[in-house]
C-alpha atoms as a PDB file:
ATOM      1  CA  UNK A   1       8.105 -24.527  18.179  1.00  0.00           C
ATOM      2  CA  UNK A   2      10.699 -25.632  14.858  1.00  0.00           C
ATOM      3  CA  UNK A   3      10.907 -28.568  12.913  1.00  0.00           C
ATOM      4  CA  UNK A   4       8.238 -30.610  11.428  1.00  0.00           C
ATOM      5  CA  UNK A   5       8.756 -34.265  12.272  1.00  0.00           C
ATOM      6  CA  UNK A   6       6.695 -37.294  10.500  1.00  0.00           C
ATOM      7  CA  UNK A   7       6.894 -40.203  12.317  1.00  0.00           C
ATOM      8  CA  UNK A   8       6.109 -43.557  10.741  1.00  0.00           C
ATOM      9  CA  UNK A   9       5.774 -46.216  12.876  1.00  0.00           C
ATOM     10  CA  UNK A  10       3.781 -48.410  15.785  1.00  0.00           C
ATOM     11  CA  UNK A  11       2.217 -46.941  18.682  1.00  0.00           C
ATOM     12  CA  UNK A  12       3.122 -48.666  22.216  1.00  0.00           C
ATOM     13  CA  UNK A  13       0.149 -49.011  24.399  1.00  0.00           C
ATOM     14  CA  UNK A  14       2.648 -48.207  27.740  1.00  0.00           C
ATOM     15  CA  UNK A  15       4.086 -45.129  26.440  1.00  0.00           C
ATOM     16  CA  UNK A  16       7.824 -46.025  26.516  1.00  0.00           C
ATOM     17  CA  UNK A  17       8.402 -46.783  23.045  1.00  0.00           C
ATOM     18  CA  UNK A  18       6.773 -46.083  19.402  1.00  0.00           C
ATOM     19  CA  UNK A  19       5.328 -43.064  18.483  1.00  0.00           C
ATOM     20  CA  UNK A  20       4.248 -42.214  21.661  1.00  0.00           C
ATOM     21  CA  UNK A  21       7.723 -41.688  22.657  1.00  0.00           C
ATOM     22  CA  UNK A  22       8.270 -40.508  19.321  1.00  0.00           C
ATOM     23  CA  UNK A  23       6.026 -37.065  20.109  1.00  0.00           C
ATOM     24  CA  UNK A  24       7.519 -36.459  23.344  1.00  0.00           C
ATOM     25  CA  UNK A  25      10.894 -36.873  22.289  1.00  0.00           C
ATOM     26  CA  UNK A  26       9.953 -34.357  19.230  1.00  0.00           C
ATOM     27  CA  UNK A  27       8.003 -32.196  21.288  1.00  0.00           C
ATOM     28  CA  UNK A  28      10.572 -31.814  24.480  1.00  0.00           C
ATOM     29  CA  UNK A  29      13.239 -30.795  21.494  1.00  0.00           C
ATOM     30  CA  UNK A  30      10.690 -28.117  20.487  1.00  0.00           C
ATOM     31  CA  UNK A  31       9.662 -29.926  17.333  1.00  0.00           C
ATOM     32  CA  UNK A  32       6.106 -30.594  15.941  1.00  0.00           C
ATOM     33  CA  UNK A  33       5.191 -34.190  15.384  1.00  0.00           C
ATOM     34  CA  UNK A  34       2.997 -35.397  12.943  1.00  0.00           C
ATOM     35  CA  UNK A  35       2.052 -39.554  12.688  1.00  0.00           C
ATOM     36  CA  UNK A  36       1.324 -42.480  10.477  1.00  0.00           C
ATOM     37  CA  UNK A  37       0.502 -45.384  13.049  1.00  0.00           C
ATOM     38  CA  UNK A  38       1.803 -49.100  11.613  1.00  0.00           C
ATOM     39  CA  UNK A  39       0.370 -51.098  13.757  1.00  0.00           C
ATOM     40  CA  UNK A  40      -1.202 -51.243  17.956  1.00  0.00           C
ATOM     41  CA  UNK A  41       0.063 -52.655  20.400  1.00  0.00           C
ATOM     42  CA  UNK A  42      -1.008 -54.266  23.555  1.00  0.00           C
ATOM     43  CA  UNK A  43       2.152 -53.380  25.531  1.00  0.00           C
ATOM     44  CA  UNK A  44       3.958 -52.599  29.202  1.00  0.00           C
ATOM     45  CA  UNK A  45       7.015 -53.176  30.585  1.00  0.00           C
ATOM     46  CA  UNK A  46       7.172 -56.431  30.856  1.00  0.00           C
ATOM     47  CA  UNK A  47       6.618 -57.120  26.617  1.00  0.00           C
ATOM     48  CA  UNK A  48       4.415 -56.812  24.010  1.00  0.00           C
ATOM     49  CA  UNK A  49       1.115 -59.129  24.791  1.00  0.00           C
ATOM     50  CA  UNK A  50      -1.169 -58.473  21.239  1.00  0.00           C
ATOM     51  CA  UNK A  51      -0.464 -56.344  17.913  1.00  0.00           C
ATOM     52  CA  UNK A  52      -2.826 -55.078  15.710  1.00  0.00           C
ATOM     53  CA  UNK A  53      -1.580 -54.038  12.290  1.00  0.00           C
ATOM     54  CA  UNK A  54      -2.872 -51.084  10.244  1.00  0.00           C
ATOM     55  CA  UNK A  55      -3.839 -52.227   6.527  1.00  0.00           C
ATOM     56  CA  UNK A  56      -0.932 -50.793   4.079  1.00  0.00           C
ATOM     57  CA  UNK A  57      -2.836 -48.542   2.274  1.00  0.00           C
ATOM     58  CA  UNK A  58      -4.065 -46.838   5.155  1.00  0.00           C
ATOM     59  CA  UNK A  59      -0.635 -46.099   6.668  1.00  0.00           C
ATOM     60  CA  UNK A  60      -0.283 -44.515   3.087  1.00  0.00           C
ATOM     61  CA  UNK A  61      -2.797 -42.719   3.456  1.00  0.00           C
ATOM     62  CA  UNK A  62      -1.905 -41.194   6.429  1.00  0.00           C
ATOM     63  CA  UNK A  63       1.559 -40.201   4.828  1.00  0.00           C
ATOM     64  CA  UNK A  64      -0.287 -38.695   2.163  1.00  0.00           C
ATOM     65  CA  UNK A  65      -2.443 -36.269   4.182  1.00  0.00           C
ATOM     66  CA  UNK A  66      -0.115 -35.136   6.483  1.00  0.00           C
ATOM     67  CA  UNK A  67       2.448 -34.336   3.664  1.00  0.00           C
ATOM     68  CA  UNK A  68       0.310 -32.479   1.170  1.00  0.00           C
ATOM     69  CA  UNK A  69      -1.015 -30.359   4.250  1.00  0.00           C
ATOM     70  CA  UNK A  70       1.319 -29.827   7.061  1.00  0.00           C
ATOM     71  CA  UNK A  71       4.501 -31.224   5.718  1.00  0.00           C
ATOM     72  CA  UNK A  72       7.842 -32.496   7.359  1.00  0.00           C
ATOM     73  CA  UNK A  73      11.453 -30.929   7.337  1.00  0.00           C
ATOM     74  CA  UNK A  74      12.437 -34.644   8.678  1.00  0.00           C
ATOM     75  CA  UNK A  75      10.978 -38.068   8.500  1.00  0.00           C
ATOM     76  CA  UNK A  76      11.412 -40.750  10.644  1.00  0.00           C
ATOM     77  CA  UNK A  77      10.790 -44.503  10.049  1.00  0.00           C
ATOM     78  CA  UNK A  78      10.478 -47.110  13.084  1.00  0.00           C
ATOM     79  CA  UNK A  79       8.030 -50.483  13.337  1.00  0.00           C
ATOM     80  CA  UNK A  80       7.297 -51.444   9.471  1.00  0.00           C
ATOM     81  CA  UNK A  81       6.392 -54.692  10.208  1.00  0.00           C
ATOM     82  CA  UNK A  82       5.604 -56.412   7.106  1.00  0.00           C
ATOM     83  CA  UNK A  83       6.689 -56.758   3.478  1.00  0.00           C
ATOM     84  CA  UNK A  84       3.320 -54.959   2.176  1.00  0.00           C
ATOM     85  CA  UNK A  85       3.524 -51.975   5.051  1.00  0.00           C
ATOM     86  CA  UNK A  86       7.830 -51.650   3.978  1.00  0.00           C
ATOM     87  CA  UNK A  87       6.296 -51.546   0.290  1.00  0.00           C
ATOM     88  CA  UNK A  88       3.923 -49.097   0.660  1.00  0.00           C
ATOM     89  CA  UNK A  89       6.282 -46.731   2.710  1.00  0.00           C
ATOM     90  CA  UNK A  90       8.508 -47.130   0.125  1.00  0.00           C
ATOM     91  CA  UNK A  91       6.202 -46.317  -2.734  1.00  0.00           C
ATOM     92  CA  UNK A  92       4.911 -43.216  -0.702  1.00  0.00           C
ATOM     93  CA  UNK A  93       7.946 -41.419   0.419  1.00  0.00           C
ATOM     94  CA  UNK A  94       9.549 -42.166  -3.206  1.00  0.00           C
ATOM     95  CA  UNK A  95       6.418 -40.493  -4.804  1.00  0.00           C
ATOM     96  CA  UNK A  96       5.324 -37.715  -2.200  1.00  0.00           C
ATOM     97  CA  UNK A  97       8.968 -36.680  -0.282  1.00  0.00           C
ATOM     98  CA  UNK A  98      11.913 -37.592  -2.394  1.00  0.00           C
ATOM     99  CA  UNK A  99      13.820 -34.933  -0.758  1.00  0.00           C
ATOM    100  CA  UNK A 100      12.796 -34.838   2.888  1.00  0.00           C
ATOM    101  CA  UNK A 101      16.025 -36.374   5.127  1.00  0.00           C
ATOM    102  CA  UNK A 102      14.939 -39.646   6.863  1.00  0.00           C
ATOM    103  CA  UNK A 103      16.110 -41.732   9.565  1.00  0.00           C
ATOM    104  CA  UNK A 104      15.137 -45.077   9.909  1.00  0.00           C
ATOM    105  CA  UNK A 105      16.062 -46.839  12.472  1.00  0.00           C
ATOM    106  CA  UNK A 106      15.501 -50.564  11.619  1.00  0.00           C
ATOM    107  CA  UNK A 107      12.584 -52.182  14.470  1.00  0.00           C
ATOM    108  CA  UNK A 108      13.862 -55.878  13.280  1.00  0.00           C
ATOM    109  CA  UNK A 109      14.518 -57.372  16.808  1.00  0.00           C
ATOM    110  CA  UNK A 110      12.468 -57.660  20.045  1.00  0.00           C
ATOM    111  CA  UNK A 111      13.462 -57.314  23.572  1.00  0.00           C
ATOM    112  CA  UNK A 112      13.654 -60.703  23.575  1.00  0.00           C
ATOM    113  CA  UNK A 113      15.384 -61.516  20.538  1.00  0.00           C
ATOM    114  CA  UNK A 114      12.855 -62.557  18.672  1.00  0.00           C
ATOM    115  CA  UNK A 115      13.035 -61.250  15.054  1.00  0.00           C
ATOM    116  CA  UNK A 116      10.072 -59.250  13.470  1.00  0.00           C
ATOM    117  CA  UNK A 117      10.685 -59.085  10.193  1.00  0.00           C
ATOM    118  CA  UNK A 118      10.986 -62.140   7.622  1.00  0.00           C
ATOM    119  CA  UNK A 119      13.434 -62.325   4.687  1.00  0.00           C
ATOM    120  CA  UNK A 120      11.435 -60.894   2.335  1.00  0.00           C
ATOM    121  CA  UNK A 121      10.534 -57.450   4.077  1.00  0.00           C
ATOM    122  CA  UNK A 122      14.485 -57.325   5.027  1.00  0.00           C
ATOM    123  CA  UNK A 123      15.131 -57.417   1.295  1.00  0.00           C
ATOM    124  CA  UNK A 124      12.636 -54.637   1.215  1.00  0.00           C
ATOM    125  CA  UNK A 125      14.321 -52.477   3.944  1.00  0.00           C
ATOM    126  CA  UNK A 126      17.806 -53.411   2.496  1.00  0.00           C
ATOM    127  CA  UNK A 127      16.933 -52.755  -1.103  1.00  0.00           C
ATOM    128  CA  UNK A 128      14.305 -50.182  -0.821  1.00  0.00           C
ATOM    129  CA  UNK A 129      14.212 -48.299   2.233  1.00  0.00           C
ATOM    130  CA  UNK A 130      17.757 -47.866   3.903  1.00  0.00           C
ATOM    131  CA  UNK A 131      19.129 -46.506   0.325  1.00  0.00           C
ATOM    132  CA  UNK A 132      17.132 -43.544   0.668  1.00  0.00           C
ATOM    133  CA  UNK A 133      18.133 -43.007   4.396  1.00  0.00           C
ATOM    134  CA  UNK A 134      19.751 -39.782   5.436  1.00  0.00           C
ATOM    135  CA  UNK A 135      20.535 -41.498   8.662  1.00  0.00           C
ATOM    136  CA  UNK A 136      20.380 -45.322   9.467  1.00  0.00           C
ATOM    137  CA  UNK A 137      20.393 -45.979  12.830  1.00  0.00           C
ATOM    138  CA  UNK A 138      20.672 -50.112  13.982  1.00  0.00           C
ATOM    139  CA  UNK A 139      21.855 -51.688  17.303  1.00  0.00           C
ATOM    140  CA  UNK A 140      24.251 -54.341  17.180  1.00  0.00           C
ATOM    141  CA  UNK A 141      21.634 -57.292  17.062  1.00  0.00           C
ATOM    142  CA  UNK A 142      19.575 -55.257  14.041  1.00  0.00           C
ATOM    143  CA  UNK A 143      23.692 -54.632  12.450  1.00  0.00           C
ATOM    144  CA  UNK A 144      24.355 -58.323  12.755  1.00  0.00           C
ATOM    145  CA  UNK A 145      21.196 -59.369  10.325  1.00  0.00           C
ATOM    146  CA  UNK A 146      21.965 -56.228   7.962  1.00  0.00           C
ATOM    147  CA  UNK A 147      25.390 -56.690   7.684  1.00  0.00           C
ATOM    148  CA  UNK A 148      25.077 -60.649   7.543  1.00  0.00           C
ATOM    149  CA  UNK A 149      28.400 -60.784  10.429  1.00  0.00           C
ATOM    150  CA  UNK A 150      28.992 -61.640  14.086  1.00  0.00           C
ATOM    151  CA  UNK A 151      29.800 -57.882  15.661  1.00  0.00           C
ATOM    152  CA  UNK A 152      31.771 -58.669  18.925  1.00  0.00           C
ATOM    153  CA  UNK A 153      33.423 -55.436  19.493  1.00  0.00           C
ATOM    154  CA  UNK A 154      34.150 -52.144  17.812  1.00  0.00           C
ATOM    155  CA  UNK A 155      36.324 -53.101  15.178  1.00  0.00           C
ATOM    156  CA  UNK A 156      34.052 -55.417  13.742  1.00  0.00           C
ATOM    157  CA  UNK A 157      30.366 -52.674  14.456  1.00  0.00           C
ATOM    158  CA  UNK A 158      32.850 -50.098  12.582  1.00  0.00           C
ATOM    159  CA  UNK A 159      33.559 -53.368   9.831  1.00  0.00           C
ATOM    160  CA  UNK A 160      29.573 -53.675   9.816  1.00  0.00           C
ATOM    161  CA  UNK A 161      28.690 -50.122   9.610  1.00  0.00           C
ATOM    162  CA  UNK A 162      30.838 -49.775   6.275  1.00  0.00           C
ATOM    163  CA  UNK A 163      29.261 -52.667   4.998  1.00  0.00           C
ATOM    164  CA  UNK A 164      25.701 -51.111   5.624  1.00  0.00           C
ATOM    165  CA  UNK A 165      26.979 -47.784   4.153  1.00  0.00           C
ATOM    166  CA  UNK A 166      27.404 -49.347   1.280  1.00  0.00           C
ATOM    167  CA  UNK A 167      23.771 -49.887   0.975  1.00  0.00           C
ATOM    168  CA  UNK A 168      23.660 -46.369   0.483  1.00  0.00           C
ATOM    169  CA  UNK A 169      22.333 -44.128   3.151  1.00  0.00           C
ATOM    170  CA  UNK A 170      24.522 -41.208   3.565  1.00  0.00           C
ATOM    171  CA  UNK A 171      25.390 -41.624   7.202  1.00  0.00           C
ATOM    172  CA  UNK A 172      24.888 -44.688   9.455  1.00  0.00           C
ATOM    173  CA  UNK A 173      25.041 -44.559  13.189  1.00  0.00           C
ATOM    174  CA  UNK A 174      26.115 -48.211  14.077  1.00  0.00           C
ATOM    175  CA  UNK A 175      24.901 -47.988  18.417  1.00  0.00           C
ATOM    176  CA  UNK A 176      26.684 -49.876  20.972  1.00  0.00           C
ATOM    177  CA  UNK A 177      25.284 -50.305  23.918  1.00  0.00           C
ATOM    178  CA  UNK A 178      24.465 -53.848  23.269  1.00  0.00           C
ATOM    179  CA  UNK A 179      28.353 -54.814  23.501  1.00  0.00           C
ATOM    180  CA  UNK A 180      29.634 -55.185  27.124  1.00  0.00           C
ATOM    181  CA  UNK A 181      32.126 -52.550  29.177  1.00  0.00           C
ATOM    182  CA  UNK A 182      31.735 -49.551  31.351  1.00  0.00           C
ATOM    183  CA  UNK A 183      31.803 -47.434  28.464  1.00  0.00           C
ATOM    184  CA  UNK A 184      28.788 -47.411  25.431  1.00  0.00           C
ATOM    185  CA  UNK A 185      30.492 -46.344  22.289  1.00  0.00           C
ATOM    186  CA  UNK A 186      28.423 -45.044  19.115  1.00  0.00           C
ATOM    187  CA  UNK A 187      29.887 -44.477  15.793  1.00  0.00           C
ATOM    188  CA  UNK A 188      28.668 -42.425  12.921  1.00  0.00           C
ATOM    189  CA  UNK A 189      30.101 -43.804   9.858  1.00  0.00           C
ATOM    190  CA  UNK A 190      29.615 -41.309   6.170  1.00  0.00           C
ATOM    191  CA  UNK A 191      32.067 -41.293   3.182  1.00  0.00           C
ATOM    192  CA  UNK A 192      33.909 -38.327   4.869  1.00  0.00           C
ATOM    193  CA  UNK A 193      35.072 -41.442   7.851  1.00  0.00           C
ATOM    194  CA  UNK A 194      33.957 -42.295  11.344  1.00  0.00           C
ATOM    195  CA  UNK A 195      33.071 -40.061  14.237  1.00  0.00           C
ATOM    196  CA  UNK A 196      33.004 -41.965  17.712  1.00  0.00           C
ATOM    197  CA  UNK A 197      30.620 -40.677  20.147  1.00  0.00           C
ATOM    198  CA  UNK A 198      31.448 -42.621  23.847  1.00  0.00           C
ATOM    199  CA  UNK A 199      29.717 -42.008  27.070  1.00  0.00           C
ATOM    200  CA  UNK A 200      29.607 -44.203  30.705  1.00  0.00           C
ATOM    201  CA  UNK A 201      27.426 -46.400  31.153  1.00  0.00           C
ATOM    202  CA  UNK A 202      24.286 -46.071  32.943  1.00  0.00           C
ATOM    203  CA  UNK A 203      23.083 -49.300  35.202  1.00  0.00           C
ATOM    204  CA  UNK A 204      19.410 -49.097  34.535  1.00  0.00           C
ATOM    205  CA  UNK A 205      16.557 -51.238  33.623  1.00  0.00           C
ATOM    206  CA  UNK A 206      15.110 -48.345  32.844  1.00  0.00           C
ATOM    207  CA  UNK A 207      15.606 -48.269  28.810  1.00  0.00           C
ATOM    208  CA  UNK A 208      12.774 -49.377  27.125  1.00  0.00           C
ATOM    209  CA  UNK A 209      12.480 -46.879  23.898  1.00  0.00           C
ATOM    210  CA  UNK A 210      16.047 -46.046  23.680  1.00  0.00           C
ATOM    211  CA  UNK A 211      16.101 -47.210  19.549  1.00  0.00           C
ATOM    212  CA  UNK A 212      12.788 -45.081  19.057  1.00  0.00           C
ATOM    213  CA  UNK A 213      13.616 -41.716  21.104  1.00  0.00           C
ATOM    214  CA  UNK A 214      17.213 -41.482  19.974  1.00  0.00           C
ATOM    215  CA  UNK A 215      16.344 -41.693  16.406  1.00  0.00           C
ATOM    216  CA  UNK A 216      13.356 -39.019  16.908  1.00  0.00           C
ATOM    217  CA  UNK A 217      15.605 -36.786  18.563  1.00  0.00           C
ATOM    218  CA  UNK A 218      17.698 -37.324  15.626  1.00  0.00           C
ATOM    219  CA  UNK A 219      14.940 -36.732  13.276  1.00  0.00           C
ATOM    220  CA  UNK A 220      14.342 -33.589  15.562  1.00  0.00           C
ATOM    221  CA  UNK A 221      17.522 -32.156  15.039  1.00  0.00           C
ATOM    222  CA  UNK A 222      17.881 -33.053  10.966  1.00  0.00           C
ATOM    223  CA  UNK A 223      14.362 -30.785  10.791  1.00  0.00           C
ATOM    224  CA  UNK A 224      15.644 -28.124  12.865  1.00  0.00           C
ATOM    225  CA  UNK A 225      18.434 -27.567  10.377  1.00  0.00           C
ATOM    226  CA  UNK A 226      21.378 -29.133  12.400  1.00  0.00           C
ATOM    227  CA  UNK A 227      24.144 -30.974  10.342  1.00  0.00           C
ATOM    228  CA  UNK A 228      23.875 -34.776  11.182  1.00  0.00           C
ATOM    229  CA  UNK A 229      26.820 -34.939  13.820  1.00  0.00           C
ATOM    230  CA  UNK A 230      25.469 -32.561  15.233  1.00  0.00           C
ATOM    231  CA  UNK A 231      22.017 -33.648  15.610  1.00  0.00           C
ATOM    232  CA  UNK A 232      23.838 -37.274  16.593  1.00  0.00           C
ATOM    233  CA  UNK A 233      25.317 -35.512  19.782  1.00  0.00           C
ATOM    234  CA  UNK A 234      22.410 -33.873  20.932  1.00  0.00           C
ATOM    235  CA  UNK A 235      20.383 -36.717  20.330  1.00  0.00           C
ATOM    236  CA  UNK A 236      22.632 -38.929  22.136  1.00  0.00           C
ATOM    237  CA  UNK A 237      23.046 -36.486  25.074  1.00  0.00           C
ATOM    238  CA  UNK A 238      19.101 -36.094  25.461  1.00  0.00           C
ATOM    239  CA  UNK A 239      19.008 -39.830  25.843  1.00  0.00           C
ATOM    240  CA  UNK A 240      21.223 -40.023  28.523  1.00  0.00           C
ATOM    241  CA  UNK A 241      19.744 -38.126  30.869  1.00  0.00           C
ATOM    242  CA  UNK A 242      16.299 -38.789  29.832  1.00  0.00           C
ATOM    243  CA  UNK A 243      17.570 -42.329  31.023  1.00  0.00           C
ATOM    244  CA  UNK A 244      19.727 -40.937  34.313  1.00  0.00           C
ATOM    245  CA  UNK A 245      15.877 -39.471  34.967  1.00  0.00           C
ATOM    246  CA  UNK A 246      13.838 -42.165  34.498  1.00  0.00           C
ATOM    247  CA  UNK A 247      10.989 -42.127  36.546  1.00  0.00           C
ATOM    248  CA  UNK A 248      11.370 -45.785  37.528  1.00  0.00           C
ATOM    249  CA  UNK A 249       7.420 -47.051  36.370  1.00  0.00           C
ATOM    250  CA  UNK A 250       6.908 -50.408  35.600  1.00  0.00           C
ATOM    251  CA  UNK A 251       8.121 -53.969  37.004  1.00  0.00           C
ATOM    252  CA  UNK A 252       9.937 -54.509  33.421  1.00  0.00           C
ATOM    253  CA  UNK A 253      11.975 -52.569  31.065  1.00  0.00           C
ATOM    254  CA  UNK A 254      10.564 -48.861  32.191  1.00  0.00           C
ATOM    255  CA  UNK A 255       9.984 -45.836  30.129  1.00  0.00           C
ATOM    256  CA  UNK A 256      12.482 -42.537  30.014  1.00  0.00           C
ATOM    257  CA  UNK A 257      11.747 -39.177  30.978  1.00  0.00           C
ATOM    258  CA  UNK A 258      11.064 -37.689  27.795  1.00  0.00           C
ATOM    259  CA  UNK A 259      10.311 -34.563  29.231  1.00  0.00           C
ATOM    260  CA  UNK A 260      13.257 -33.740  31.036  1.00  0.00           C
ATOM    261  CA  UNK A 261      14.005 -30.480  29.151  1.00  0.00           C
ATOM    262  CA  UNK A 262      10.814 -29.128  30.653  1.00  0.00           C
ATOM    263  CA  UNK A 263      11.717 -29.588  34.464  1.00  0.00           C
ATOM    264  CA  UNK A 264      11.291 -26.823  36.378  1.00  0.00           C
END
């Protein structure tokens, strides 16, 4: 077991996304997962049916006690649903983990397209959390909100990525899965340039939790000493195989096979 990853995110009772997907991913890739849970959800493959928020002070306490004892080689954030929680996470990380690599998955848009963050929370995300990120991992709807522009093709995705890079993160991984086409193109942007990752699109309804899974796999790679590009490449490969071998559970957007590395 190598690489300690602290995951700050919400729980998915269906097990396909959120904290549950994060723990499975880090474990499957040989890392150690610790957590700070920001919210509990009553959720299945058909959607979110209820949310119970965790008080911001308790979110901060979870972060503090894990880091002061176990420590972390990388941190990943997922669902940070309110301004108060975002501010608590930013303040706590600034105080107790200022130099730990940070992957920010800006969970801003629900599967059905509804916005999950109000304007105040978006401002804290842009000004407080994103500048601290080692890697920011928006999908197209999230990048459209953050970059305040429409993204219809790969060129626009690159333009938005450069705008997000200007907010201060070391790297931005623009995920192109929402764009049409037989291929899925992701772009990794740093001040050094753009790296392009291409894969054949897998037609499947079993894609619940792909964003959480990719970000946690990326954080695990950083925790294990991989550079950003190598961590992205491994994370994408892991997610693609997890989609290909998905178990087919549920009536809606089903979960991935997070344990495919352990099969056999």
